């Protein structure tokens, strides 16, 4: 069974950096999509970035392009999200999720069947 464990959230001032980690386990195939989402209270979860291990391709939402980078350590089956030049509007609970068992990186959030526990990121002005 696939399990995802997140770490790395915290508090930082605007302009600072944080790195989130999403350690995966239970994979029996090496091609799958893992994505980062974030959510504010009362708002819908939005996709921040994703990474497909089959092609090593990454996708980023416009609001993080040039500031966030996602990369994968295959040996550790861990996905990272390097967040630089953080802004107060980046404050949210961040989740990693995997659509393991489905082809490519699906556009529909509901296809992501495996989720991490979430980690809080707070950026102060």
Protein backbone atom coordinates (compact mmCIF):
# COMPACT_ATOMS: atom_id res chain seq x y z
CA UNK A 1 0.00 0.00 0.00
CA UNK A 2 1.36 3.41 -0.97
CA UNK A 3 2.02 5.77 1.90
CA UNK A 4 3.25 9.35 1.79
CA UNK A 5 4.87 11.17 4.70
CA UNK A 6 5.52 14.88 4.49
CA UNK A 7 7.98 17.02 6.37
CA UNK A 8 9.62 20.41 6.16
CA UNK A 9 6.91 22.98 6.79
CA UNK A 10 7.37 25.91 9.12
CA UNK A 11 7.35 29.66 9.47
CA UNK A 12 9.48 32.06 7.48
CA UNK A 13 9.56 35.72 6.58
CA UNK A 14 8.66 36.94 3.13
CA UNK A 15 11.52 36.37 0.73
CA UNK A 16 12.71 33.33 2.64
CA UNK A 17 12.90 29.69 1.60
CA UNK A 18 11.60 26.33 2.75
CA UNK A 19 11.96 22.81 1.42
CA UNK A 20 9.19 20.28 1.75
CA UNK A 21 9.76 16.54 1.51
CA UNK A 22 7.32 13.80 0.58
CA UNK A 23 8.69 10.34 1.34
CA UNK A 24 6.84 7.61 -0.48
CA UNK A 25 6.73 3.91 0.22
CA UNK A 26 4.86 0.88 -1.07
CA UNK A 27 5.55 1.52 -4.75
CA UNK A 28 6.02 -1.61 -6.84
CA UNK A 29 6.33 0.20 -10.17
CA UNK A 30 8.63 3.11 -10.88
CA UNK A 31 6.41 5.26 -13.11
CA UNK A 32 3.90 7.43 -11.31
CA UNK A 33 2.87 10.99 -10.70
CA UNK A 34 3.28 12.82 -7.43
CA UNK A 35 1.95 16.32 -6.97
CA UNK A 36 1.95 19.16 -4.49
CA UNK A 37 -1.30 20.83 -3.52
CA UNK A 38 -2.08 23.57 -1.05
CA UNK A 39 -5.19 24.62 0.75
CA UNK A 40 -6.38 27.54 2.82
CA UNK A 41 -9.25 27.16 5.29
CA UNK A 42 -12.56 27.36 3.49
CA UNK A 43 -10.96 27.27 0.05
CA UNK A 44 -10.52 24.56 -2.53
CA UNK A 45 -7.31 22.64 -2.74
CA UNK A 46 -5.14 23.93 -5.61
CA UNK A 47 -2.34 22.20 -7.43
CA UNK A 48 1.06 23.81 -7.06
CA UNK A 49 3.33 21.46 -9.02
CA UNK A 50 3.63 17.88 -10.12
CA UNK A 51 6.30 15.44 -11.22
CA UNK A 52 6.06 12.32 -13.34
CA UNK A 53 8.83 9.83 -12.68
CA UNK A 54 8.44 8.12 -16.06
CA UNK A 55 9.65 11.19 -17.95
CA UNK A 56 11.11 13.31 -15.13
CA UNK A 57 8.85 16.10 -16.31
CA UNK A 58 7.62 18.71 -13.87
CA UNK A 59 4.69 21.10 -14.14
CA UNK A 60 4.17 24.31 -12.17
CA UNK A 61 1.22 26.56 -11.52
CA UNK A 62 1.75 30.08 -12.85
CA UNK A 63 1.71 31.56 -9.37
CA UNK A 64 4.86 29.61 -8.36
CA UNK A 65 6.82 29.52 -11.61
CA UNK A 66 10.32 30.82 -11.15
CA UNK A 67 10.08 30.50 -7.36
CA UNK A 68 9.32 26.83 -6.63
CA UNK A 69 11.12 23.76 -7.92
CA UNK A 70 10.07 20.15 -7.49
CA UNK A 71 12.52 17.31 -7.90
CA UNK A 72 12.65 13.63 -7.15
CA UNK A 73 15.24 11.42 -5.48
CA UNK A 74 14.62 8.02 -7.00
CA UNK A 75 16.82 6.16 -4.50
CA UNK A 76 14.81 7.57 -1.59
CA UNK A 77 11.47 7.61 -3.46
CA UNK A 78 11.11 11.13 -2.10
CA UNK A 79 9.71 14.17 -3.85
CA UNK A 80 10.89 17.60 -2.77
CA UNK A 81 9.45 21.06 -3.18
CA UNK A 82 12.01 23.82 -2.92
CA UNK A 83 10.21 27.07 -2.25
CA UNK A 84 12.16 30.29 -2.70
CA UNK A 85 11.15 33.94 -2.50
CA UNK A 86 8.12 32.99 -0.44
CA UNK A 87 5.23 35.44 -0.20
CA UNK A 88 2.57 35.80 2.49
CA UNK A 89 0.00 34.51 0.00
CA UNK A 90 1.92 31.22 -0.12
CA UNK A 91 0.82 30.51 3.44
CA UNK A 92 -1.29 27.36 3.43
CA UNK A 93 -1.33 23.70 4.34
CA UNK A 94 0.68 21.85 1.72
CA UNK A 95 -0.08 18.28 0.74
CA UNK A 96 1.66 15.81 -1.49
CA UNK A 97 -0.40 13.27 -3.35
CA UNK A 98 0.19 10.39 -5.74
CA UNK A 99 -1.94 9.07 -8.56
CA UNK A 100 -0.06 5.80 -8.48
CA UNK A 101 -1.72 3.21 -10.68
CA UNK A 102 -2.96 5.79 -13.19
CA UNK A 103 -1.11 6.88 -16.34
CA UNK A 104 0.62 10.25 -16.54
CA UNK A 105 -0.24 13.15 -14.28
CA UNK A 106 -4.03 13.45 -14.23
CA UNK A 107 -5.73 16.81 -14.30
CA UNK A 108 -8.48 15.68 -11.97
CA UNK A 109 -7.58 15.96 -8.30
CA UNK A 110 -9.89 13.06 -7.51
CA UNK A 111 -7.60 10.64 -9.35
CA UNK A 112 -4.97 11.18 -6.70
CA UNK A 113 -5.75 8.33 -4.36
CA UNK A 114 -2.86 8.66 -1.95
CA UNK A 115 -2.25 11.72 0.21
CA UNK A 116 0.26 12.87 2.77
CA UNK A 117 -0.82 14.24 6.13
CA UNK A 118 -0.18 17.86 5.18
CA UNK A 119 2.34 20.35 6.51
CA UNK A 120 1.78 23.99 7.42
CA UNK A 121 3.68 26.78 5.72
CA UNK A 122 3.37 30.26 7.18
CA UNK A 123 4.98 33.28 5.55
CA UNK A 124 4.95 36.56 7.43
CA UNK A 125 5.22 39.95 5.78
